[in-house]
C-alpha atoms as a PDB file:
ATOM      1  CA  LEU A   1     108.828 106.787  97.400  1.00  0.00           C
ATOM      2  CA  VAL A   2     111.619 107.876  99.753  1.00  0.00           C
ATOM      3  CA  VAL A   3     110.942 104.959 102.098  1.00  0.00           C
ATOM      4  CA  PHE A   4     110.686 102.478  99.228  1.00  0.00           C
ATOM      5  CA  VAL A   5     113.965 103.585  97.616  1.00  0.00           C
ATOM      6  CA  PHE A   6     115.622 103.661 101.060  1.00  0.00           C
ATOM      7  CA  LEU A   7     114.673 100.007 101.570  1.00  0.00           C
ATOM      8  CA  GLN A   8     115.530  99.191  97.962  1.00  0.00           C
ATOM      9  CA  SER A   9     119.104 100.385  98.554  1.00  0.00           C
ATOM     10  CA  TYR A  10     119.674  97.345 100.803  1.00  0.00           C
ATOM     11  CA  SER A  11     119.770  94.687  98.087  1.00  0.00           C
ATOM     12  CA  ASP A  12     121.385  92.129 100.409  1.00  0.00           C
ATOM     13  CA  SER A  13     118.499  92.245 102.870  1.00  0.00           C
ATOM     14  CA  ASN A  14     116.344  89.307 103.955  1.00  0.00           C
ATOM     15  CA  PHE A  15     113.216  91.121 102.737  1.00  0.00           C
ATOM     16  CA  HIS A  16     114.263  91.507  99.092  1.00  0.00           C
ATOM     17  CA  GLN A  17     111.472  89.245  97.767  1.00  0.00           C
ATOM     18  CA  GLU A  18     108.835  90.950  99.924  1.00  0.00           C
ATOM     19  CA  LEU A  19     110.019  94.328  98.638  1.00  0.00           C
ATOM     20  CA  LYS A  20     109.483  93.156  95.061  1.00  0.00           C
ATOM     21  CA  VAL A  21     105.919  92.144  95.937  1.00  0.00           C
ATOM     22  CA  LEU A  22     105.311  95.465  97.693  1.00  0.00           C
ATOM     23  CA  GLY A  23     106.662  97.310  94.649  1.00  0.00           C
ATOM     24  CA  ARG A  24     104.088  95.579  92.465  1.00  0.00           C
ATOM     25  CA  GLU A  25     101.303  96.752  94.764  1.00  0.00           C
ATOM     26  CA  LEU A  26     102.374 100.385  94.821  1.00  0.00           C
ATOM     27  CA  PRO A  27     101.807 102.741  91.905  1.00  0.00           C
ATOM     28  CA  MET A  28     105.495 102.841  91.034  1.00  0.00           C
ATOM     29  CA  PRO A  29     107.039 104.608  88.053  1.00  0.00           C
ATOM     30  CA  ALA A  30     107.903 102.147  85.289  1.00  0.00           C
ATOM     31  CA  HIS A  31     111.640 102.758  85.467  1.00  0.00           C
ATOM     32  CA  LEU A  32     111.745 101.891  89.188  1.00  0.00           C
ATOM     33  CA  GLN A  33     109.881  98.684  88.526  1.00  0.00           C
ATOM     34  CA  GLU A  34     112.355  97.830  85.771  1.00  0.00           C
ATOM     35  CA  GLU A  35     115.206  98.427  88.236  1.00  0.00           C
ATOM     36  CA  GLN A  36     113.614  95.788  90.444  1.00  0.00           C
ATOM     37  CA  ASP A  37     113.499  93.365  87.487  1.00  0.00           C
ATOM     38  CA  TYR A  38     109.731  93.247  87.708  1.00  0.00           C
ATOM     39  CA  GLY A  39     109.267  93.387  83.981  1.00  0.00           C
ATOM     40  CA  LEU A  40     105.982  95.181  84.621  1.00  0.00           C
ATOM     41  CA  GLN A  41     104.863  98.302  82.897  1.00  0.00           C
ATOM     42  CA  THR A  42     102.708 100.893  84.539  1.00  0.00           C
ATOM     43  CA  GLU A  43     100.182 102.952  82.691  1.00  0.00           C
ATOM     44  CA  GLY A  44     101.616 106.303  83.630  1.00  0.00           C
ATOM     45  CA  ASN A  45     100.976 105.809  87.340  1.00  0.00           C
ATOM     46  CA  ARG A  46     103.299 107.829  89.505  1.00  0.00           C
ATOM     47  CA  CYS A  47     104.101 107.723  93.175  1.00  0.00           C
ATOM     48  CA  SER A  48     102.458 111.079  93.682  1.00  0.00           C
ATOM     49  CA  HIS A  49     100.552 109.861  96.743  1.00  0.00           C
ATOM     50  CA  PHE A  50     103.850 109.633  98.596  1.00  0.00           C
ATOM     51  CA  LEU A  51     104.313 113.362  98.284  1.00  0.00           C
ATOM     52  CA  VAL A  52     102.601 115.791 100.548  1.00  0.00           C
ATOM     53  CA  SER A  53     100.677 117.862  98.060  1.00  0.00           C
ATOM     54  CA  GLU A  54      99.630 115.030  95.728  1.00  0.00           C
ATOM     55  CA  GLU A  55     101.533 116.700  92.895  1.00  0.00           C
ATOM     56  CA  ARG A  56     102.381 114.752  89.764  1.00  0.00           C
ATOM     57  CA  VAL A  57     106.060 113.940  89.833  1.00  0.00           C
ATOM     58  CA  SER A  58     108.290 114.291  86.822  1.00  0.00           C
ATOM     59  CA  GLN A  59     111.043 111.796  86.149  1.00  0.00           C
ATOM     60  CA  GLY A  60     113.582 114.466  87.161  1.00  0.00           C
ATOM     61  CA  GLN A  61     111.805 114.915  90.481  1.00  0.00           C
ATOM     62  CA  GLU A  62     111.735 111.148  90.991  1.00  0.00           C
ATOM     63  CA  GLU A  63     115.493 111.077  90.475  1.00  0.00           C
ATOM     64  CA  ILE A  64     115.884 113.745  93.172  1.00  0.00           C
ATOM     65  CA  ILE A  65     113.729 111.682  95.543  1.00  0.00           C
ATOM     66  CA  GLN A  66     115.812 108.591  94.781  1.00  0.00           C
ATOM     67  CA  ASP A  67     119.014 110.556  95.423  1.00  0.00           C
ATOM     68  CA  ILE A  68     117.662 111.810  98.764  1.00  0.00           C
ATOM     69  CA  ALA A  69     116.683 108.268  99.799  1.00  0.00           C
ATOM     70  CA  ARG A  70     120.099 106.876  98.880  1.00  0.00           C
ATOM     71  CA  LYS A  71     121.898 109.637 100.823  1.00  0.00           C
ATOM     72  CA  LEU A  72     119.682 108.971 103.833  1.00  0.00           C
ATOM     73  CA  ALA A  73     120.428 105.237 103.564  1.00  0.00           C
ATOM     74  CA  LYS A  74     124.161 105.937 103.491  1.00  0.00           C
ATOM     75  CA  THR A  75     123.844 108.080 106.603  1.00  0.00           C
ATOM     76  CA  GLY A  76     121.660 105.394 108.188  1.00  0.00           C
ATOM     77  CA  ASP A  77     124.428 102.847 107.752  1.00  0.00           C
ATOM     78  CA  ASN A  78     126.511 104.895 110.171  1.00  0.00           C
ATOM     79  CA  MET A  79     123.654 104.853 112.704  1.00  0.00           C
ATOM     80  CA  ASP A  80     123.327 101.066 112.705  1.00  0.00           C
ATOM     81  CA  ARG A  81     125.355 100.617 115.883  1.00  0.00           C
ATOM     82  CA  SER A  82     122.960 102.822 117.861  1.00  0.00           C
ATOM     83  CA  ILE A  83     119.977 100.517 117.409  1.00  0.00           C
ATOM     84  CA  HIS A  84     120.045  97.728 119.961  1.00  0.00           C
ATOM     85  CA  PRO A  85     118.983  94.311 118.598  1.00  0.00           C
ATOM     86  CA  GLY A  86     116.605  93.884 121.561  1.00  0.00           C
ATOM     87  CA  LEU A  87     114.719  96.995 120.480  1.00  0.00           C
ATOM     88  CA  VAL A  88     114.314  95.556 116.978  1.00  0.00           C
ATOM     89  CA  ASN A  89     113.139  92.223 118.413  1.00  0.00           C
ATOM     90  CA  ASN A  90     110.575  93.968 120.624  1.00  0.00           C
ATOM     91  CA  LEU A  91     109.301  96.096 117.755  1.00  0.00           C
ATOM     92  CA  ALA A  92     109.020  93.049 115.479  1.00  0.00           C
ATOM     93  CA  THR A  93     107.096  91.227 118.223  1.00  0.00           C
ATOM     94  CA  GLU A  94     104.684  94.154 118.488  1.00  0.00           C
ATOM     95  CA  PHE A  95     104.161  94.219 114.716  1.00  0.00           C
ATOM     96  CA  VAL A  96     103.449  90.476 114.625  1.00  0.00           C
ATOM     97  CA  ASN A  97     100.378  91.102 116.776  1.00  0.00           C
ATOM     98  CA  ARG A  98      97.692  91.300 114.070  1.00  0.00           C
ATOM     99  CA  ARG A  99      95.194  92.735 116.553  1.00  0.00           C
ATOM    100  CA  LEU A 100      97.093  96.019 116.697  1.00  0.00           C
ATOM    101  CA  SER A 101      95.552  98.852 114.735  1.00  0.00           C
ATOM    102  CA  GLU A 102      97.624 101.034 112.431  1.00  0.00           C
ATOM    103  CA  GLU A 103      97.564 103.705 115.138  1.00  0.00           C
ATOM    104  CA  ASP A 104      98.860 101.179 117.715  1.00  0.00           C
ATOM    105  CA  ARG A 105     101.702 100.188 115.375  1.00  0.00           C
ATOM    106  CA  ARG A 106     102.559 103.840 114.787  1.00  0.00           C
ATOM    107  CA  GLN A 107     102.671 104.377 118.560  1.00  0.00           C
ATOM    108  CA  CYS A 108     105.006 101.365 118.908  1.00  0.00           C
ATOM    109  CA  LEU A 109     107.292 102.864 116.256  1.00  0.00           C
ATOM    110  CA  THR A 110     107.160 106.257 117.972  1.00  0.00           C
ATOM    111  CA  ALA A 111     108.087 104.707 121.334  1.00  0.00           C
ATOM    112  CA  ALA A 112     110.989 102.800 119.752  1.00  0.00           C
ATOM    113  CA  LEU A 113     112.219 105.988 118.081  1.00  0.00           C
ATOM    114  CA  GLU A 114     112.043 107.853 121.391  1.00  0.00           C
ATOM    115  CA  ARG A 115     114.176 105.144 123.047  1.00  0.00           C
ATOM    116  CA  VAL A 116     116.767 105.261 120.264  1.00  0.00           C
ATOM    117  CA  MET A 117     116.845 109.070 120.303  1.00  0.00           C
ATOM    118  CA  GLN A 118     117.622 109.064 124.046  1.00  0.00           C
ATOM    119  CA  THR A 119     120.817 107.135 123.498  1.00  0.00           C
ATOM    120  CA  TYR A 120     121.820 108.488 120.121  1.00  0.00           C
ATOM    121  CA  PRO A 121     124.268 111.394 120.226  1.00  0.00           C
ATOM    122  CA  THR A 122     123.740 113.380 117.088  1.00  0.00           C
ATOM    123  CA  ASP A 123     125.244 116.299 115.325  1.00  0.00           C
ATOM    124  CA  MET A 124     122.328 116.327 112.880  1.00  0.00           C
ATOM    125  CA  GLU A 125     119.059 118.145 113.184  1.00  0.00           C
ATOM    126  CA  ASP A 126     116.433 116.153 115.075  1.00  0.00           C
ATOM    127  CA  GLU A 127     114.065 115.809 112.108  1.00  0.00           C
ATOM    128  CA  LYS A 128     116.753 114.284 109.912  1.00  0.00           C
ATOM    129  CA  THR A 129     117.810 111.914 112.675  1.00  0.00           C
ATOM    130  CA  ILE A 130     114.222 110.814 113.319  1.00  0.00           C
ATOM    131  CA  LEU A 131     113.576 110.340 109.592  1.00  0.00           C
ATOM    132  CA  ILE A 132     116.648 108.186 109.105  1.00  0.00           C
ATOM    133  CA  LEU A 133     116.084 106.199 112.281  1.00  0.00           C
ATOM    134  CA  ALA A 134     112.412 105.570 111.395  1.00  0.00           C
ATOM    135  CA  MET A 135     113.373 104.207 107.990  1.00  0.00           C
ATOM    136  CA  PHE A 136     116.300 102.284 109.450  1.00  0.00           C
ATOM    137  CA  LEU A 137     114.056 100.723 112.109  1.00  0.00           C
ATOM    138  CA  ALA A 138     111.669  99.693 109.322  1.00  0.00           C
ATOM    139  CA  LYS A 139     114.599  98.134 107.479  1.00  0.00           C
ATOM    140  CA  LYS A 140     115.836  96.291 110.564  1.00  0.00           C
ATOM    141  CA  VAL A 141     112.374  94.980 111.503  1.00  0.00           C
ATOM    142  CA  ALA A 142     111.760  93.797 107.933  1.00  0.00           C
ATOM    143  CA  ASP A 143     115.210  92.222 107.862  1.00  0.00           C
ATOM    144  CA  HIS A 144     114.467  90.482 111.184  1.00  0.00           C
ATOM    145  CA  THR A 145     110.990  89.304 110.074  1.00  0.00           C
ATOM    146  CA  PRO A 146     110.548  89.735 106.306  1.00  0.00           C
ATOM    147  CA  SER A 147     106.828  88.944 106.447  1.00  0.00           C
ATOM    148  CA  LEU A 148     106.343  92.228 108.334  1.00  0.00           C
ATOM    149  CA  LEU A 149     107.650  94.390 105.485  1.00  0.00           C
ATOM    150  CA  ARG A 150     104.224  95.558 104.303  1.00  0.00           C
ATOM    151  CA  GLU A 151     103.054  96.538 107.795  1.00  0.00           C
ATOM    152  CA  VAL A 152     106.275  98.241 108.824  1.00  0.00           C
ATOM    153  CA  PHE A 153     106.497 100.041 105.456  1.00  0.00           C
ATOM    154  CA  HIS A 154     102.976 101.472 105.707  1.00  0.00           C
ATOM    155  CA  THR A 155     103.399 102.376 109.371  1.00  0.00           C
ATOM    156  CA  THR A 156     106.670 104.163 108.626  1.00  0.00           C
ATOM    157  CA  VAL A 157     105.149 106.075 105.700  1.00  0.00           C
ATOM    158  CA  ASN A 158     102.199 107.095 107.899  1.00  0.00           C
ATOM    159  CA  PHE A 159     104.540 108.145 110.714  1.00  0.00           C
ATOM    160  CA  ILE A 160     106.612 110.250 108.308  1.00  0.00           C
ATOM    161  CA  ASN A 161     103.513 111.821 106.753  1.00  0.00           C
ATOM    162  CA  GLN A 162     102.130 112.755 110.177  1.00  0.00           C
ATOM    163  CA  ASN A 163     105.350 113.899 111.830  1.00  0.00           C
ATOM    164  CA  LEU A 164     107.949 114.784 109.220  1.00  0.00           C
ATOM    165  CA  PHE A 165     105.941 115.817 106.193  1.00  0.00           C
ATOM    166  CA  THR A 166     107.218 119.398 106.104  1.00  0.00           C
ATOM    167  CA  TYR A 167     110.802 118.284 106.668  1.00  0.00           C
ATOM    168  CA  VAL A 168     110.685 115.757 103.794  1.00  0.00           C
ATOM    169  CA  ARG A 169     109.048 118.306 101.510  1.00  0.00           C
ATOM    170  CA  ASN A 170     111.782 120.817 102.385  1.00  0.00           C
ATOM    171  CA  LEU A 171     114.498 118.216 101.693  1.00  0.00           C
ATOM    172  CA  PHE A 172     112.975 117.726  98.267  1.00  0.00           C
ATOM    173  CA  ARG A 173     112.667 121.457  97.591  1.00  0.00           C
ATOM    174  CA  ASN A 174     116.240 122.117  98.727  1.00  0.00           C
ATOM    175  CA  GLU A 175     117.550 119.437  96.368  1.00  0.00           C
ATOM    176  CA  MET A 176     115.618 120.991  93.486  1.00  0.00           C
ATOM    177  CA  ASP A 177     117.247 124.397  94.067  1.00  0.00           C
END
């Protein structure tokens, strides 16, 4: 949900239509679908699979997740200058290769993040920087090649779940306090 709302916060992006389609495929809360003008109703499905412990998420918790994603997007806007367009082009080229497995795509994303982290001076904790840069790279790749949104979205979610799960869960818990 954090990645989806992060991407959703860029309404002027080239991948806006693809994001609507992706939103229809995900078990999104009804009010988020309405925000996207989908006009679809869910049958109580929640985005619980995006959370680490598979907990059911209340509407209040969803609002916290949305707030976190929007704050991360705002911070990501300030990081835009640190991502070289050539890196985005290379990553998009890798993702176009349909023969790559999900693991191969995740490794491509990891390598791109490592290159960005080498040149990015930060006053933030590493986990937060990596989280924002991973989502921002997903945004930039999808903006560059909108047809890659689904692949880059799923790869980014998998990367976050494997590498930043505890950090994201702690962000959520800290916002609830």
